[in-house]
Amino acid sequence: MAKRILIIEDEVSIAELEKDYLELSGFEVTMKNDGTEGLSEALNNDYNLILLDIMLPGTDGFEILKRVREVKDTPILMVTAKKEDIDKIRGLGLGADDYITKPFSPSELVARVKAHLSRFERLTGSETRGNEIEIRGLKIDKTARRVWVDGVEKQFTTKEFDLLTFLAEHPNHVYTKEEIFREVWDMDSVGDIATVTVHIKKIREKIEYNTAKPQYIETIWGVGYRFKM
């Protein structure tokens, strides 16, 4: 069955270009050119990935991202028109899996979409042994993709969960941002490793008692990060 992609983009020419190339790659694509309609479509129907523009009539992309993340972990690729928008994504940390900046080549778009779908499918569809990790009050259920801190469940986005699990499965190992980006985002040259810093910050806010003195994810200055056992 073809993977389903939702495009929420008010520039019809761009949306149609995205749709054409994705359909040529075998995807089933739905387009919405209004933010409010796009939000309704995203909440009421199931898609394998959402391509989401930021500047939209009706409801903007940030609000759509926030609302969808409250109930779904569908991979979301933000489409931005300017570098200022990228800064907003980093600062808000609302749960986007990645972003792509206009203008972009159709081949880059398709490559990003395929990479995120592949990663999400592997992580959610695999059956593994030893599916729970418990360390000093932190519990990670890899099968159910749920996290608890001292018995209180915390809500994680797809990439936050992937990153936390990766580090927890390799305790006391120092990873650079580049290594983390390659392992968790499953891409070498596409994307921006600054997103690693954003995701680490969001994870710490959810699992650490004191983010200034983290007991789980340590910063090794000048090198990267380490999950302390």
C-alpha atoms as a PDB file:
ATOM      1  CA  MET A   1       0.000   0.000   0.000  1.00  0.00           C
ATOM      2  CA  ALA A   2       1.309   3.435  -0.948  1.00  0.00           C
ATOM      3  CA  LYS A   3       2.465   5.692   1.871  1.00  0.00           C
ATOM      4  CA  ARG A   4       0.164   8.680   2.404  1.00  0.00           C
ATOM      5  CA  ILE A   5       1.586  12.210   2.480  1.00  0.00           C
ATOM      6  CA  LEU A   6      -0.291  15.352   3.517  1.00  0.00           C
ATOM      7  CA  ILE A   7       0.950  18.649   2.057  1.00  0.00           C
ATOM      8  CA  ILE A   8      -0.211  21.825   3.832  1.00  0.00           C
ATOM      9  CA  GLU A   9       1.046  24.669   1.619  1.00  0.00           C
ATOM     10  CA  ASP A  10      -0.719  27.857   0.504  1.00  0.00           C
ATOM     11  CA  GLU A  11       1.438  28.442  -2.589  1.00  0.00           C
ATOM     12  CA  VAL A  12      -0.412  26.259  -5.074  1.00  0.00           C
ATOM     13  CA  SER A  13       2.465  26.052  -7.564  1.00  0.00           C
ATOM     14  CA  ILE A  14       4.854  24.770  -4.876  1.00  0.00           C
ATOM     15  CA  ALA A  15       2.283  22.342  -3.487  1.00  0.00           C
ATOM     16  CA  GLU A  16       1.582  20.941  -6.951  1.00  0.00           C
ATOM     17  CA  LEU A  17       5.314  20.545  -7.667  1.00  0.00           C
ATOM     18  CA  GLU A  18       5.780  18.678  -4.378  1.00  0.00           C
ATOM     19  CA  LYS A  19       2.734  16.542  -5.145  1.00  0.00           C
ATOM     20  CA  ASP A  20       3.917  15.662  -8.664  1.00  0.00           C
ATOM     21  CA  TYR A  21       7.365  14.509  -7.568  1.00  0.00           C
ATOM     22  CA  LEU A  22       6.072  12.566  -4.582  1.00  0.00           C
ATOM     23  CA  GLU A  23       3.457  10.817  -6.705  1.00  0.00           C
ATOM     24  CA  LEU A  24       6.145   9.944  -9.261  1.00  0.00           C
ATOM     25  CA  SER A  25       7.972   8.275  -6.363  1.00  0.00           C
ATOM     26  CA  GLY A  26       4.920   6.165  -5.543  1.00  0.00           C
ATOM     27  CA  PHE A  27       3.316   8.164  -2.729  1.00  0.00           C
ATOM     28  CA  GLU A  28      -0.377   8.969  -2.328  1.00  0.00           C
ATOM     29  CA  VAL A  29      -0.644  12.726  -1.770  1.00  0.00           C
ATOM     30  CA  THR A  30      -3.351  15.028  -0.406  1.00  0.00           C
ATOM     31  CA  MET A  31      -3.009  18.829  -0.617  1.00  0.00           C
ATOM     32  CA  LYS A  32      -4.528  21.525   1.561  1.00  0.00           C
ATOM     33  CA  ASN A  33      -3.874  25.216   0.837  1.00  0.00           C
ATOM     34  CA  ASP A  34      -5.429  26.627   4.026  1.00  0.00           C
ATOM     35  CA  GLY A  35      -4.024  26.155   7.505  1.00  0.00           C
ATOM     36  CA  THR A  36      -7.340  25.544   9.231  1.00  0.00           C
ATOM     37  CA  GLU A  37      -8.395  22.975   6.650  1.00  0.00           C
ATOM     38  CA  GLY A  38      -4.966  21.381   6.826  1.00  0.00           C
ATOM     39  CA  LEU A  39      -5.152  21.078  10.611  1.00  0.00           C
ATOM     40  CA  SER A  40      -8.552  19.409  10.402  1.00  0.00           C
ATOM     41  CA  GLU A  41      -7.268  16.999   7.767  1.00  0.00           C
ATOM     42  CA  ALA A  42      -4.182  16.134   9.817  1.00  0.00           C
ATOM     43  CA  LEU A  43      -6.176  15.521  12.997  1.00  0.00           C
ATOM     44  CA  ASN A  44      -9.022  13.553  11.459  1.00  0.00           C
ATOM     45  CA  ASN A  45      -7.140  11.324   9.017  1.00  0.00           C
ATOM     46  CA  ASP A  46      -4.053   9.134   9.169  1.00  0.00           C
ATOM     47  CA  TYR A  47      -0.960  10.041   7.164  1.00  0.00           C
ATOM     48  CA  ASN A  48       2.527   8.577   7.112  1.00  0.00           C
ATOM     49  CA  LEU A  49       4.164  12.032   6.902  1.00  0.00           C
ATOM     50  CA  ILE A  50       3.127  15.693   6.820  1.00  0.00           C
ATOM     51  CA  LEU A  51       4.844  18.411   4.771  1.00  0.00           C
ATOM     52  CA  LEU A  52       3.962  21.601   6.617  1.00  0.00           C
ATOM     53  CA  ASP A  53       4.543  25.196   5.510  1.00  0.00           C
ATOM     54  CA  ILE A  54       4.954  27.821   8.238  1.00  0.00           C
ATOM     55  CA  MET A  55       3.201  30.881   6.799  1.00  0.00           C
ATOM     56  CA  LEU A  56      -0.373  29.811   6.115  1.00  0.00           C
ATOM     57  CA  PRO A  57      -3.783  31.501   5.973  1.00  0.00           C
ATOM     58  CA  GLY A  58      -6.210  30.506   8.718  1.00  0.00           C
ATOM     59  CA  THR A  59      -3.902  28.664  11.109  1.00  0.00           C
ATOM     60  CA  ASP A  60      -0.125  28.983  10.891  1.00  0.00           C
ATOM     61  CA  GLY A  61       2.280  26.075  10.712  1.00  0.00           C
ATOM     62  CA  PHE A  62       3.534  26.406  14.277  1.00  0.00           C
ATOM     63  CA  GLU A  63       0.018  26.085  15.693  1.00  0.00           C
ATOM     64  CA  ILE A  64      -0.700  23.120  13.421  1.00  0.00           C
ATOM     65  CA  LEU A  65       2.528  21.460  14.551  1.00  0.00           C
ATOM     66  CA  LYS A  66       1.660  22.009  18.199  1.00  0.00           C
ATOM     67  CA  ARG A  67      -1.887  20.670  17.830  1.00  0.00           C
ATOM     68  CA  VAL A  68      -0.884  17.591  15.863  1.00  0.00           C
ATOM     69  CA  ARG A  69       1.932  16.760  18.296  1.00  0.00           C
ATOM     70  CA  GLU A  70      -0.570  16.685  21.159  1.00  0.00           C
ATOM     71  CA  VAL A  71      -2.198  13.578  19.704  1.00  0.00           C
ATOM     72  CA  LYS A  72       0.049  12.067  17.004  1.00  0.00           C
ATOM     73  CA  ASP A  73       3.703  11.200  16.425  1.00  0.00           C
ATOM     74  CA  THR A  74       3.440  11.375  12.617  1.00  0.00           C
ATOM     75  CA  PRO A  75       6.744  12.568  11.105  1.00  0.00           C
ATOM     76  CA  ILE A  76       6.459  16.285  10.244  1.00  0.00           C
ATOM     77  CA  LEU A  77       8.802  18.044   7.824  1.00  0.00           C
ATOM     78  CA  MET A  78       8.541  21.835   8.083  1.00  0.00           C
ATOM     79  CA  VAL A  79       8.910  23.913   4.911  1.00  0.00           C
ATOM     80  CA  THR A  80      10.379  27.359   5.580  1.00  0.00           C
ATOM     81  CA  ALA A  81      10.766  30.402   3.341  1.00  0.00           C
ATOM     82  CA  LYS A  82      13.527  32.206   5.242  1.00  0.00           C
ATOM     83  CA  LYS A  83      16.301  31.580   7.711  1.00  0.00           C
ATOM     84  CA  GLU A  84      14.454  33.545  10.388  1.00  0.00           C
ATOM     85  CA  ASP A  85      11.824  30.782  10.382  1.00  0.00           C
ATOM     86  CA  ILE A  86      14.528  28.177  10.991  1.00  0.00           C
ATOM     87  CA  ASP A  87      15.560  30.087  14.118  1.00  0.00           C
ATOM     88  CA  LYS A  88      11.956  30.013  15.303  1.00  0.00           C
ATOM     89  CA  ILE A  89      11.797  26.246  14.845  1.00  0.00           C
ATOM     90  CA  ARG A  90      14.965  25.795  16.875  1.00  0.00           C
ATOM     91  CA  GLY A  91      13.765  28.129  19.591  1.00  0.00           C
ATOM     92  CA  LEU A  92      10.256  26.785  19.939  1.00  0.00           C
ATOM     93  CA  GLY A  93      11.204  23.114  19.735  1.00  0.00           C
ATOM     94  CA  LEU A  94       7.594  22.179  19.090  1.00  0.00           C
ATOM     95  CA  GLY A  95       8.364  18.748  17.735  1.00  0.00           C
ATOM     96  CA  ALA A  96       9.182  19.015  14.035  1.00  0.00           C
ATOM     97  CA  ASP A  97      11.295  16.104  12.839  1.00  0.00           C
ATOM     98  CA  ASP A  98      13.192  18.201  10.307  1.00  0.00           C
ATOM     99  CA  TYR A  99      12.902  21.251   8.072  1.00  0.00           C
ATOM    100  CA  ILE A 100      13.675  22.154   4.482  1.00  0.00           C
ATOM    101  CA  THR A 101      14.222  25.698   3.216  1.00  0.00           C
ATOM    102  CA  LYS A 102      12.791  27.155   0.005  1.00  0.00           C
ATOM    103  CA  PRO A 103      13.929  27.020  -2.695  1.00  0.00           C
ATOM    104  CA  PHE A 104      14.763  23.318  -2.636  1.00  0.00           C
ATOM    105  CA  SER A 105      15.248  20.723  -5.326  1.00  0.00           C
ATOM    106  CA  PRO A 106      12.462  18.150  -5.790  1.00  0.00           C
ATOM    107  CA  SER A 107      15.048  15.367  -5.463  1.00  0.00           C
ATOM    108  CA  GLU A 108      16.131  16.694  -2.047  1.00  0.00           C
ATOM    109  CA  LEU A 109      12.502  16.805  -0.922  1.00  0.00           C
ATOM    110  CA  VAL A 110      11.864  13.209  -1.986  1.00  0.00           C
ATOM    111  CA  ALA A 111      15.111  12.077  -0.320  1.00  0.00           C
ATOM    112  CA  ARG A 112      14.137  13.739   2.968  1.00  0.00           C
ATOM    113  CA  VAL A 113      10.645  12.241   2.885  1.00  0.00           C
ATOM    114  CA  LYS A 114      11.956   8.738   2.187  1.00  0.00           C
ATOM    115  CA  ALA A 115      14.607   8.996   4.907  1.00  0.00           C
ATOM    116  CA  HIS A 116      12.103  10.006   7.588  1.00  0.00           C
ATOM    117  CA  LEU A 117       9.536   7.405   6.533  1.00  0.00           C
ATOM    118  CA  SER A 118      12.186   4.686   6.582  1.00  0.00           C
ATOM    119  CA  ARG A 119      13.448   5.713  10.003  1.00  0.00           C
ATOM    120  CA  PHE A 120       9.957   5.957  11.501  1.00  0.00           C
ATOM    121  CA  GLU A 121       8.918   2.603  10.062  1.00  0.00           C
ATOM    122  CA  ARG A 122      11.969   0.813  11.409  1.00  0.00           C
ATOM    123  CA  LEU A 123      11.578   2.258  14.878  1.00  0.00           C
ATOM    124  CA  THR A 124       7.847   1.686  15.240  1.00  0.00           C
ATOM    125  CA  GLY A 125       7.567  -1.597  13.397  1.00  0.00           C
ATOM    126  CA  SER A 126      10.463  -3.559  14.772  1.00  0.00           C
ATOM    127  CA  GLU A 127      10.148  -6.260  17.405  1.00  0.00           C
ATOM    128  CA  THR A 128      13.048  -6.205  19.827  1.00  0.00           C
ATOM    129  CA  ARG A 129      14.150  -8.085  22.915  1.00  0.00           C
ATOM    130  CA  GLY A 130      14.785  -6.279  26.154  1.00  0.00           C
ATOM    131  CA  ASN A 131      12.180  -3.660  25.384  1.00  0.00           C
ATOM    132  CA  GLU A 132      12.430  -1.710  28.645  1.00  0.00           C
ATOM    133  CA  ILE A 133      15.238   0.447  29.982  1.00  0.00           C
ATOM    134  CA  GLU A 134      15.167   1.530  33.643  1.00  0.00           C
ATOM    135  CA  ILE A 135      17.803   3.840  35.121  1.00  0.00           C
ATOM    136  CA  ARG A 136      17.411   5.775  38.394  1.00  0.00           C
ATOM    137  CA  GLY A 137      13.686   6.491  38.128  1.00  0.00           C
ATOM    138  CA  LEU A 138      13.698   6.827  34.335  1.00  0.00           C
ATOM    139  CA  LYS A 139      11.779   4.094  32.483  1.00  0.00           C
ATOM    140  CA  ILE A 140      11.706   3.760  28.691  1.00  0.00           C
ATOM    141  CA  ASP A 141       9.334   1.275  27.030  1.00  0.00           C
ATOM    142  CA  LYS A 142      10.702   0.828  23.503  1.00  0.00           C
ATOM    143  CA  THR A 143       7.747  -1.228  22.251  1.00  0.00           C
ATOM    144  CA  ALA A 144       5.036   1.150  23.452  1.00  0.00           C
ATOM    145  CA  ARG A 145       7.325   4.175  22.879  1.00  0.00           C
ATOM    146  CA  ARG A 146       6.480   5.608  26.304  1.00  0.00           C
ATOM    147  CA  VAL A 147       8.625   7.281  28.961  1.00  0.00           C
ATOM    148  CA  TRP A 148       8.106   7.670  32.710  1.00  0.00           C
ATOM    149  CA  VAL A 149      10.048   9.647  35.295  1.00  0.00           C
ATOM    150  CA  ASP A 150       9.409   8.473  38.854  1.00  0.00           C
ATOM    151  CA  GLY A 151       6.169   6.881  37.698  1.00  0.00           C
ATOM    152  CA  VAL A 152       4.898   9.977  35.904  1.00  0.00           C
ATOM    153  CA  GLU A 153       4.510   9.567  32.149  1.00  0.00           C
ATOM    154  CA  LYS A 154       6.122  12.213  29.956  1.00  0.00           C
ATOM    155  CA  GLN A 155       5.041  12.988  26.397  1.00  0.00           C
ATOM    156  CA  PHE A 156       7.792  12.708  23.795  1.00  0.00           C
ATOM    157  CA  THR A 157       7.878  13.532  20.097  1.00  0.00           C
ATOM    158  CA  THR A 158       9.163  10.861  17.721  1.00  0.00           C
ATOM    159  CA  LYS A 159      12.687  12.234  17.468  1.00  0.00           C
ATOM    160  CA  GLU A 160      12.926  13.064  21.191  1.00  0.00           C
ATOM    161  CA  PHE A 161      12.088   9.446  21.980  1.00  0.00           C
ATOM    162  CA  ASP A 162      14.514   8.123  19.359  1.00  0.00           C
ATOM    163  CA  LEU A 163      17.337  10.307  20.671  1.00  0.00           C
ATOM    164  CA  LEU A 164      16.750   9.466  24.343  1.00  0.00           C
ATOM    165  CA  THR A 165      16.547   5.745  23.577  1.00  0.00           C
ATOM    166  CA  PHE A 166      19.704   5.817  21.466  1.00  0.00           C
ATOM    167  CA  LEU A 167      21.735   7.478  24.207  1.00  0.00           C
ATOM    168  CA  ALA A 168      20.260   5.296  26.974  1.00  0.00           C
ATOM    169  CA  GLU A 169      21.117   2.156  25.000  1.00  0.00           C
ATOM    170  CA  HIS A 170      24.752   3.300  24.796  1.00  0.00           C
ATOM    171  CA  PRO A 171      25.498   4.598  28.314  1.00  0.00           C
ATOM    172  CA  ASN A 172      28.836   6.230  29.166  1.00  0.00           C
ATOM    173  CA  HIS A 173      29.668   6.611  25.473  1.00  0.00           C
ATOM    174  CA  VAL A 174      30.401  10.167  24.309  1.00  0.00           C
ATOM    175  CA  TYR A 175      28.811  10.999  20.963  1.00  0.00           C
ATOM    176  CA  THR A 176      29.426  14.098  18.867  1.00  0.00           C
ATOM    177  CA  LYS A 177      26.463  16.015  17.452  1.00  0.00           C
ATOM    178  CA  GLU A 178      27.416  14.746  14.007  1.00  0.00           C
ATOM    179  CA  GLU A 179      27.369  11.124  15.177  1.00  0.00           C
ATOM    180  CA  ILE A 180      24.005  11.587  16.904  1.00  0.00           C
ATOM    181  CA  PHE A 181      22.525  13.246  13.819  1.00  0.00           C
ATOM    182  CA  ARG A 182      23.733  10.396  11.637  1.00  0.00           C
ATOM    183  CA  GLU A 183      22.430   7.683  13.971  1.00  0.00           C
ATOM    184  CA  VAL A 184      19.087   9.199  14.996  1.00  0.00           C
ATOM    185  CA  TRP A 185      18.138  11.197  11.914  1.00  0.00           C
ATOM    186  CA  ASP A 186      19.655   8.544   9.639  1.00  0.00           C
ATOM    187  CA  MET A 187      21.224  11.152   7.350  1.00  0.00           C
ATOM    188  CA  ASP A 188      24.799  12.259   6.782  1.00  0.00           C
ATOM    189  CA  SER A 189      24.752  15.513   4.854  1.00  0.00           C
ATOM    190  CA  VAL A 190      21.082  16.489   4.711  1.00  0.00           C
ATOM    191  CA  GLY A 191      19.730  18.659   7.502  1.00  0.00           C
ATOM    192  CA  ASP A 192      21.244  20.704  10.294  1.00  0.00           C
ATOM    193  CA  ILE A 193      22.973  19.239  13.340  1.00  0.00           C
ATOM    194  CA  ALA A 194      21.816  22.247  15.387  1.00  0.00           C
ATOM    195  CA  THR A 195      18.540  20.372  15.740  1.00  0.00           C
ATOM    196  CA  VAL A 196      20.403  17.895  18.011  1.00  0.00           C
ATOM    197  CA  THR A 197      20.978  20.676  20.562  1.00  0.00           C
ATOM    198  CA  VAL A 198      17.289  21.633  20.474  1.00  0.00           C
ATOM    199  CA  HIS A 199      16.165  18.059  21.045  1.00  0.00           C
ATOM    200  CA  ILE A 200      18.630  17.501  23.908  1.00  0.00           C
ATOM    201  CA  LYS A 201      17.284  20.646  25.596  1.00  0.00           C
ATOM    202  CA  LYS A 202      13.671  19.472  25.250  1.00  0.00           C
ATOM    203  CA  ILE A 203      14.497  16.001  26.576  1.00  0.00           C
ATOM    204  CA  ARG A 204      16.280  17.449  29.605  1.00  0.00           C
ATOM    205  CA  GLU A 205      13.268  19.616  30.406  1.00  0.00           C
ATOM    206  CA  LYS A 206      11.200  16.436  30.603  1.00  0.00           C
ATOM    207  CA  ILE A 207      13.487  14.020  32.453  1.00  0.00           C
ATOM    208  CA  GLU A 208      15.962  16.048  34.516  1.00  0.00           C
ATOM    209  CA  TYR A 209      15.247  17.339  38.005  1.00  0.00           C
ATOM    210  CA  ASN A 210      17.699  20.186  37.434  1.00  0.00           C
ATOM    211  CA  THR A 211      18.526  20.982  33.803  1.00  0.00           C
ATOM    212  CA  ALA A 212      21.546  23.011  34.917  1.00  0.00           C
ATOM    213  CA  LYS A 213      23.008  19.881  36.545  1.00  0.00           C
ATOM    214  CA  PRO A 214      21.674  16.979  34.480  1.00  0.00           C
ATOM    215  CA  GLN A 215      21.928  13.517  35.999  1.00  0.00           C
ATOM    216  CA  TYR A 216      21.124  11.618  32.814  1.00  0.00           C
ATOM    217  CA  ILE A 217      22.399  13.410  29.690  1.00  0.00           C
ATOM    218  CA  GLU A 218      25.710  15.151  30.272  1.00  0.00           C
ATOM    219  CA  THR A 219      27.324  17.724  28.006  1.00  0.00           C
ATOM    220  CA  ILE A 220      30.968  16.932  27.360  1.00  0.00           C
ATOM    221  CA  TRP A 221      32.220  20.378  26.372  1.00  0.00           C
ATOM    222  CA  GLY A 222      33.953  20.537  23.029  1.00  0.00           C
ATOM    223  CA  VAL A 223      32.959  16.960  22.211  1.00  0.00           C
ATOM    224  CA  GLY A 224      29.252  16.140  22.512  1.00  0.00           C
ATOM    225  CA  TYR A 225      26.888  14.286  24.854  1.00  0.00           C
ATOM    226  CA  ARG A 226      26.956  11.237  27.109  1.00  0.00           C
ATOM    227  CA  PHE A 227      24.223   9.301  28.892  1.00  0.00           C
ATOM    228  CA  LYS A 228      25.525   8.789  32.430  1.00  0.00           C
ATOM    229  CA  MET A 229      24.949   5.345  33.904  1.00  0.00           C
END
